[in-house]
PDB file of N, CA and C in Angstrom:
ATOM      1  N   UNK A   1       0.851  -1.346   0.193  1.00  0.00           N
ATOM      2  CA  UNK A   1      -0.041   0.077  -0.086  1.00  0.00           C
ATOM      3  C   UNK A   1       0.851   1.151   0.171  1.00  0.00           C
ATOM      4  N   UNK A   2       0.619   2.385  -0.876  1.00  0.00           N
ATOM      5  CA  UNK A   2       1.469   3.322  -0.974  1.00  0.00           C
ATOM      6  C   UNK A   2       0.905   4.408   0.131  1.00  0.00           C
ATOM      7  N   UNK A   3       1.925   5.556   0.342  1.00  0.00           N
ATOM      8  CA  UNK A   3       1.458   6.244   1.298  1.00  0.00           C
ATOM      9  C   UNK A   3       1.488   7.657   0.362  1.00  0.00           C
ATOM     10  N   UNK A   4       0.345   8.415   1.125  1.00  0.00           N
ATOM     11  CA  UNK A   4      -0.007   9.467   0.477  1.00  0.00           C
ATOM     12  C   UNK A   4       0.935  10.736   0.776  1.00  0.00           C
ATOM     13  N   UNK A   5       1.148  11.795  -0.156  1.00  0.00           N
ATOM     14  CA  UNK A   5       1.786  12.489   0.092  1.00  0.00           C
ATOM     15  C   UNK A   5       1.514  13.555   1.450  1.00  0.00           C
ATOM     16  N   UNK A   6       0.028  14.058   1.475  1.00  0.00           N
ATOM     17  CA  UNK A   6      -0.402  14.610   3.023  1.00  0.00           C
ATOM     18  C   UNK A   6       0.122  14.041   4.302  1.00  0.00           C
ATOM     19  N   UNK A   7       0.383  12.562   3.547  1.00  0.00           N
ATOM     20  CA  UNK A   7       0.568  11.871   5.154  1.00  0.00           C
ATOM     21  C   UNK A   7       2.205  11.963   5.539  1.00  0.00           C
ATOM     22  N   UNK A   8       3.276  12.041   4.323  1.00  0.00           N
ATOM     23  CA  UNK A   8       4.109  12.507   4.729  1.00  0.00           C
ATOM     24  C   UNK A   8       4.395  13.504   5.056  1.00  0.00           C
ATOM     25  N   UNK A   9       4.095  14.822   4.466  1.00  0.00           N
ATOM     26  CA  UNK A   9       4.202  16.061   5.417  1.00  0.00           C
ATOM     27  C   UNK A   9       3.598  16.457   6.389  1.00  0.00           C
ATOM     28  N   UNK A  10       2.380  15.314   6.882  1.00  0.00           N
ATOM     29  CA  UNK A  10       1.849  15.707   8.145  1.00  0.00           C
ATOM     30  C   UNK A  10       2.821  15.296   9.251  1.00  0.00           C
ATOM     31  N   UNK A  11       3.167  13.699   9.151  1.00  0.00           N
ATOM     32  CA  UNK A  11       4.302  13.331   9.920  1.00  0.00           C
ATOM     33  C   UNK A  11       5.431  13.944  10.035  1.00  0.00           C
ATOM     34  N   UNK A  12       6.081  14.763   8.940  1.00  0.00           N
ATOM     35  CA  UNK A  12       7.667  15.688   9.153  1.00  0.00           C
ATOM     36  C   UNK A  12       6.995  16.904   9.960  1.00  0.00           C
ATOM     37  N   UNK A  13       5.554  17.427   9.619  1.00  0.00           N
ATOM     38  CA  UNK A  13       5.063  18.596  10.280  1.00  0.00           C
ATOM     39  C   UNK A  13       4.683  18.590  11.642  1.00  0.00           C
ATOM     40  N   UNK A  14       4.768  17.408  12.179  1.00  0.00           N
ATOM     41  CA  UNK A  14       4.658  16.972  13.376  1.00  0.00           C
ATOM     42  C   UNK A  14       5.598  16.942  14.191  1.00  0.00           C
ATOM     43  N   UNK A  15       6.956  16.328  13.759  1.00  0.00           N
ATOM     44  CA  UNK A  15       8.251  16.330  14.394  1.00  0.00           C
ATOM     45  C   UNK A  15       8.764  17.689  14.449  1.00  0.00           C
ATOM     46  N   UNK A  16       8.415  18.429  12.871  1.00  0.00           N
ATOM     47  CA  UNK A  16       9.440  19.774  12.909  1.00  0.00           C
ATOM     48  C   UNK A  16       7.984  20.860  12.710  1.00  0.00           C
ATOM     49  N   UNK A  17       7.399  21.458  13.532  1.00  0.00           N
ATOM     50  CA  UNK A  17       6.500  22.122  13.500  1.00  0.00           C
ATOM     51  C   UNK A  17       6.595  23.537  12.547  1.00  0.00           C
ATOM     52  N   UNK A  18       7.708  24.390  12.725  1.00  0.00           N
ATOM     53  CA  UNK A  18       8.465  25.338  11.975  1.00  0.00           C
ATOM     54  C   UNK A  18       9.039  25.097  10.668  1.00  0.00           C
ATOM     55  N   UNK A  19       8.720  23.442  10.086  1.00  0.00           N
ATOM     56  CA  UNK A  19       9.426  23.445   8.800  1.00  0.00           C
ATOM     57  C   UNK A  19       8.185  24.084   7.668  1.00  0.00           C
ATOM     58  N   UNK A  20       8.948  24.108   6.225  1.00  0.00           N
ATOM     59  CA  UNK A  20       8.514  24.371   5.300  1.00  0.00           C
ATOM     60  C   UNK A  20       8.793  22.929   4.693  1.00  0.00           C
ATOM     61  N   UNK A  21       7.571  22.422   4.311  1.00  0.00           N
ATOM     62  CA  UNK A  21       7.712  20.644   3.510  1.00  0.00           C
ATOM     63  C   UNK A  21       6.933  21.107   2.322  1.00  0.00           C
ATOM     64  N   UNK A  22       7.731  20.703   1.141  1.00  0.00           N
ATOM     65  CA  UNK A  22       7.237  20.286   0.036  1.00  0.00           C
ATOM     66  C   UNK A  22       7.654  18.902  -0.682  1.00  0.00           C
ATOM     67  N   UNK A  23       6.399  18.149  -1.123  1.00  0.00           N
ATOM     68  CA  UNK A  23       6.287  16.873  -1.426  1.00  0.00           C
ATOM     69  C   UNK A  23       6.033  16.658  -2.907  1.00  0.00           C
ATOM     70  N   UNK A  24       6.953  15.961  -3.406  1.00  0.00           N
ATOM     71  CA  UNK A  24       6.761  16.162  -5.041  1.00  0.00           C
ATOM     72  C   UNK A  24       6.510  14.307  -5.295  1.00  0.00           C
ATOM     73  N   UNK A  25       5.474  13.814  -5.906  1.00  0.00           N
ATOM     74  CA  UNK A  25       5.241  12.792  -6.311  1.00  0.00           C
ATOM     75  C   UNK A  25       5.996  12.222  -7.544  1.00  0.00           C
ATOM     76  N   UNK A  26       7.186  11.750  -7.627  1.00  0.00           N
ATOM     77  CA  UNK A  26       8.259  11.796  -9.037  1.00  0.00           C
ATOM     78  C   UNK A  26       7.399  10.844 -10.142  1.00  0.00           C
ATOM     79  N   UNK A  27       6.790   9.543  -9.608  1.00  0.00           N
ATOM     80  CA  UNK A  27       6.385   8.698 -10.612  1.00  0.00           C
ATOM     81  C   UNK A  27       4.919   8.840 -10.916  1.00  0.00           C
ATOM     82  N   UNK A  28       4.024   9.319  -9.956  1.00  0.00           N
ATOM     83  CA  UNK A  28       2.882   9.464 -10.027  1.00  0.00           C
ATOM     84  C   UNK A  28       2.357   8.235  -9.573  1.00  0.00           C
ATOM     85  N   UNK A  29       2.881   7.578  -9.082  1.00  0.00           N
ATOM     86  CA  UNK A  29       2.265   5.915  -8.442  1.00  0.00           C
ATOM     87  C   UNK A  29       1.981   6.009  -6.573  1.00  0.00           C
ATOM     88  N   UNK A  30       2.253   7.319  -6.329  1.00  0.00           N
ATOM     89  CA  UNK A  30       2.266   7.317  -4.733  1.00  0.00           C
ATOM     90  C   UNK A  30       3.216   6.357  -4.262  1.00  0.00           C
ATOM     91  N   UNK A  31       4.232   6.278  -4.729  1.00  0.00           N
ATOM     92  CA  UNK A  31       5.359   5.402  -4.032  1.00  0.00           C
ATOM     93  C   UNK A  31       6.835   5.870  -3.993  1.00  0.00           C
ATOM     94  N   UNK A  32       6.979   6.788  -4.974  1.00  0.00           N
ATOM     95  CA  UNK A  32       8.313   7.658  -5.444  1.00  0.00           C
ATOM     96  C   UNK A  32       8.091   8.815  -5.041  1.00  0.00           C
ATOM     97  N   UNK A  33       8.677   9.396  -4.244  1.00  0.00           N
ATOM     98  CA  UNK A  33       8.412  10.933  -3.588  1.00  0.00           C
ATOM     99  C   UNK A  33       9.546  11.760  -3.610  1.00  0.00           C
ATOM    100  N   UNK A  34       9.487  12.861  -3.691  1.00  0.00           N
ATOM    101  CA  UNK A  34      10.840  13.776  -3.252  1.00  0.00           C
ATOM    102  C   UNK A  34      10.122  14.487  -2.374  1.00  0.00           C
ATOM    103  N   UNK A  35      11.085  15.377  -1.104  1.00  0.00           N
ATOM    104  CA  UNK A  35      10.761  16.133  -0.275  1.00  0.00           C
ATOM    105  C   UNK A  35      11.940  17.077   0.020  1.00  0.00           C
ATOM    106  N   UNK A  36      11.243  18.081  -0.101  1.00  0.00           N
ATOM    107  CA  UNK A  36      12.123  19.214   0.426  1.00  0.00           C
ATOM    108  C   UNK A  36      11.877  19.879   2.100  1.00  0.00           C
ATOM    109  N   UNK A  37      12.469  20.055   2.852  1.00  0.00           N
ATOM    110  CA  UNK A  37      12.514  20.144   4.214  1.00  0.00           C
ATOM    111  C   UNK A  37      12.984  21.223   4.647  1.00  0.00           C
ATOM    112  N   UNK A  38      12.746  22.313   5.307  1.00  0.00           N
ATOM    113  CA  UNK A  38      13.647  23.373   5.829  1.00  0.00           C
ATOM    114  C   UNK A  38      13.356  23.578   7.243  1.00  0.00           C
ATOM    115  N   UNK A  39      13.998  23.328   8.167  1.00  0.00           N
ATOM    116  CA  UNK A  39      13.801  23.916   9.418  1.00  0.00           C
ATOM    117  C   UNK A  39      14.945  24.621  10.324  1.00  0.00           C
ATOM    118  N   UNK A  40      14.550  25.007  11.204  1.00  0.00           N
ATOM    119  CA  UNK A  40      15.763  25.599  11.893  1.00  0.00           C
ATOM    120  C   UNK A  40      16.273  23.982  12.932  1.00  0.00           C
ATOM    121  N   UNK A  41      15.463  23.355  12.814  1.00  0.00           N
ATOM    122  CA  UNK A  41      16.200  22.010  13.746  1.00  0.00           C
ATOM    123  C   UNK A  41      17.510  21.600  13.216  1.00  0.00           C
ATOM    124  N   UNK A  42      17.500  21.535  11.856  1.00  0.00           N
ATOM    125  CA  UNK A  42      18.806  21.174  10.998  1.00  0.00           C
ATOM    126  C   UNK A  42      20.133  22.033  11.616  1.00  0.00           C
ATOM    127  N   UNK A  43      19.703  23.081  11.864  1.00  0.00           N
ATOM    128  CA  UNK A  43      21.052  23.894  12.175  1.00  0.00           C
ATOM    129  C   UNK A  43      22.341  23.186  12.855  1.00  0.00           C
ATOM    130  N   UNK A  44      23.510  22.991  12.717  1.00  0.00           N
ATOM    131  CA  UNK A  44      24.476  22.539  13.062  1.00  0.00           C
ATOM    132  C   UNK A  44      24.822  20.872  12.695  1.00  0.00           C
ATOM    133  N   UNK A  45      23.465  20.530  12.426  1.00  0.00           N
ATOM    134  CA  UNK A  45      23.609  19.057  11.758  1.00  0.00           C
ATOM    135  C   UNK A  45      24.320  18.891  10.253  1.00  0.00           C
ATOM    136  N   UNK A  46      24.939  17.444  10.208  1.00  0.00           N
ATOM    137  CA  UNK A  46      25.370  17.250   9.151  1.00  0.00           C
ATOM    138  C   UNK A  46      24.117  16.900   7.945  1.00  0.00           C
ATOM    139  N   UNK A  47      24.313  16.668   6.659  1.00  0.00           N
ATOM    140  CA  UNK A  47      23.550  16.178   5.776  1.00  0.00           C
ATOM    141  C   UNK A  47      22.839  14.784   6.303  1.00  0.00           C
ATOM    142  N   UNK A  48      23.679  14.239   6.760  1.00  0.00           N
ATOM    143  CA  UNK A  48      23.142  12.642   7.089  1.00  0.00           C
ATOM    144  C   UNK A  48      22.582  12.561   8.266  1.00  0.00           C
ATOM    145  N   UNK A  49      22.919  13.446   9.424  1.00  0.00           N
ATOM    146  CA  UNK A  49      22.155  13.590  10.803  1.00  0.00           C
ATOM    147  C   UNK A  49      20.571  14.205  10.129  1.00  0.00           C
ATOM    148  N   UNK A  50      20.686  15.214   9.084  1.00  0.00           N
ATOM    149  CA  UNK A  50      19.647  15.821   9.120  1.00  0.00           C
ATOM    150  C   UNK A  50      18.311  14.877   8.248  1.00  0.00           C
ATOM    151  N   UNK A  51      19.111  13.808   7.417  1.00  0.00           N
ATOM    152  CA  UNK A  51      18.097  12.877   6.708  1.00  0.00           C
ATOM    153  C   UNK A  51      17.221  12.132   7.593  1.00  0.00           C
ATOM    154  N   UNK A  52      18.790  11.600   8.842  1.00  0.00           N
ATOM    155  CA  UNK A  52      18.335  10.491   9.639  1.00  0.00           C
ATOM    156  C   UNK A  52      16.865  11.200  10.157  1.00  0.00           C
ATOM    157  N   UNK A  53      17.022  12.499  10.769  1.00  0.00           N
ATOM    158  CA  UNK A  53      15.890  13.173  11.509  1.00  0.00           C
ATOM    159  C   UNK A  53      14.718  12.983  10.832  1.00  0.00           C
ATOM    160  N   UNK A  54      14.648  13.455   9.616  1.00  0.00           N
ATOM    161  CA  UNK A  54      13.421  13.176   8.568  1.00  0.00           C
ATOM    162  C   UNK A  54      12.861  11.578   8.574  1.00  0.00           C
ATOM    163  N   UNK A  55      14.044  10.748   8.322  1.00  0.00           N
ATOM    164  CA  UNK A  55      13.559   9.261   8.231  1.00  0.00           C
ATOM    165  C   UNK A  55      12.876   9.192   9.857  1.00  0.00           C
ATOM    166  N   UNK A  56      13.277   9.319  10.923  1.00  0.00           N
ATOM    167  CA  UNK A  56      12.697   8.884  11.883  1.00  0.00           C
ATOM    168  C   UNK A  56      11.539   9.386  12.319  1.00  0.00           C
ATOM    169  N   UNK A  57      11.411  10.784  11.721  1.00  0.00           N
ATOM    170  CA  UNK A  57       9.591  11.595  12.201  1.00  0.00           C
ATOM    171  C   UNK A  57       8.699  10.723  11.104  1.00  0.00           C
ATOM    172  N   UNK A  58       8.958   9.869  10.089  1.00  0.00           N
ATOM    173  CA  UNK A  58       8.409   8.837   9.204  1.00  0.00           C
ATOM    174  C   UNK A  58       7.894   7.871   9.908  1.00  0.00           C
ATOM    175  N   UNK A  59       8.289   7.749  11.224  1.00  0.00           N
ATOM    176  CA  UNK A  59       7.946   6.556  12.159  1.00  0.00           C
ATOM    177  C   UNK A  59       7.993   5.230  11.607  1.00  0.00           C
ATOM    178  N   UNK A  60       9.042   4.599  10.851  1.00  0.00           N
ATOM    179  CA  UNK A  60       9.052   3.265  10.255  1.00  0.00           C
ATOM    180  C   UNK A  60       8.674   3.339   9.029  1.00  0.00           C
ATOM    181  N   UNK A  61       7.745   4.210   8.535  1.00  0.00           N
ATOM    182  CA  UNK A  61       7.193   3.938   7.180  1.00  0.00           C
ATOM    183  C   UNK A  61       8.159   3.886   5.958  1.00  0.00           C
ATOM    184  N   UNK A  62       9.628   3.960   6.071  1.00  0.00           N
ATOM    185  CA  UNK A  62      10.562   4.151   5.097  1.00  0.00           C
ATOM    186  C   UNK A  62      10.451   2.803   4.859  1.00  0.00           C
ATOM    187  N   UNK A  63      10.423   2.076   3.616  1.00  0.00           N
ATOM    188  CA  UNK A  63      10.591   0.842   3.461  1.00  0.00           C
ATOM    189  C   UNK A  63       9.428   0.116   3.260  1.00  0.00           C
ATOM    190  N   UNK A  64       8.415   0.611   3.963  1.00  0.00           N
ATOM    191  CA  UNK A  64       7.158  -0.125   4.201  1.00  0.00           C
ATOM    192  C   UNK A  64       6.236   0.698   3.127  1.00  0.00           C
ATOM    193  N   UNK A  65       5.389   1.398   3.647  1.00  0.00           N
ATOM    194  CA  UNK A  65       4.407   2.015   2.939  1.00  0.00           C
ATOM    195  C   UNK A  65       5.116   2.957   1.949  1.00  0.00           C
ATOM    196  N   UNK A  66       6.163   3.550   2.022  1.00  0.00           N
ATOM    197  CA  UNK A  66       7.159   4.198   1.506  1.00  0.00           C
ATOM    198  C   UNK A  66       7.928   4.045   1.086  1.00  0.00           C
ATOM    199  N   UNK A  67       7.986   3.679  -0.294  1.00  0.00           N
ATOM    200  CA  UNK A  67       9.164   2.618  -1.092  1.00  0.00           C
ATOM    201  C   UNK A  67      10.391   3.946  -1.243  1.00  0.00           C
ATOM    202  N   UNK A  68      10.429   4.851  -1.931  1.00  0.00           N
ATOM    203  CA  UNK A  68      11.734   5.753  -2.284  1.00  0.00           C
ATOM    204  C   UNK A  68      11.138   7.298  -1.945  1.00  0.00           C
ATOM    205  N   UNK A  69      11.925   7.696  -1.194  1.00  0.00           N
ATOM    206  CA  UNK A  69      12.051   9.110  -0.720  1.00  0.00           C
ATOM    207  C   UNK A  69      13.406   9.956  -1.179  1.00  0.00           C
ATOM    208  N   UNK A  70      13.173  10.920  -1.890  1.00  0.00           N
ATOM    209  CA  UNK A  70      14.494  11.845  -2.180  1.00  0.00           C
ATOM    210  C   UNK A  70      14.663  13.015  -1.303  1.00  0.00           C
ATOM    211  N   UNK A  71      15.466  13.248  -0.222  1.00  0.00           N
ATOM    212  CA  UNK A  71      15.415  14.453   0.234  1.00  0.00           C
ATOM    213  C   UNK A  71      16.372  15.360   0.137  1.00  0.00           C
ATOM    214  N   UNK A  72      15.861  16.629   0.465  1.00  0.00           N
ATOM    215  CA  UNK A  72      16.570  17.750   0.364  1.00  0.00           C
ATOM    216  C   UNK A  72      16.257  18.457   1.665  1.00  0.00           C
ATOM    217  N   UNK A  73      17.184  18.663   2.174  1.00  0.00           N
ATOM    218  CA  UNK A  73      17.000  19.211   3.477  1.00  0.00           C
ATOM    219  C   UNK A  73      17.937  20.394   3.704  1.00  0.00           C
ATOM    220  N   UNK A  74      17.296  21.422   4.578  1.00  0.00           N
ATOM    221  CA  UNK A  74      18.279  22.598   4.754  1.00  0.00           C
ATOM    222  C   UNK A  74      17.991  23.486   6.176  1.00  0.00           C
ATOM    223  N   UNK A  75      18.393  24.664   6.018  1.00  0.00           N
ATOM    224  CA  UNK A  75      17.852  25.428   7.465  1.00  0.00           C
ATOM    225  C   UNK A  75      17.486  26.533   6.810  1.00  0.00           C
ATOM    226  N   UNK A  76      16.551  27.430   7.532  1.00  0.00           N
ATOM    227  CA  UNK A  76      16.039  28.855   6.822  1.00  0.00           C
ATOM    228  C   UNK A  76      17.244  29.651   6.690  1.00  0.00           C
ATOM    229  N   UNK A  77      17.214  30.510   5.534  1.00  0.00           N
ATOM    230  CA  UNK A  77      18.208  31.212   5.283  1.00  0.00           C
ATOM    231  C   UNK A  77      18.385  32.975   5.876  1.00  0.00           C
TER     232      UNK A  77
END
């Protein structure tokens, strides 16, 4: 079962309320997404740490309901 883009955004926003989140369905199949997440919580963190934080926010859905997620993370400018 695929995961809806709105569910991905909701889970990320629950963990990072200040975040700007953009979700794009890459293949139109509800299974392959790209997400851009901008939040102050990433300040001082490496790119790997930022991505791990997003994966943790998805509460174990990566590899299950959510097959592929290309991440672009940053702090506010």
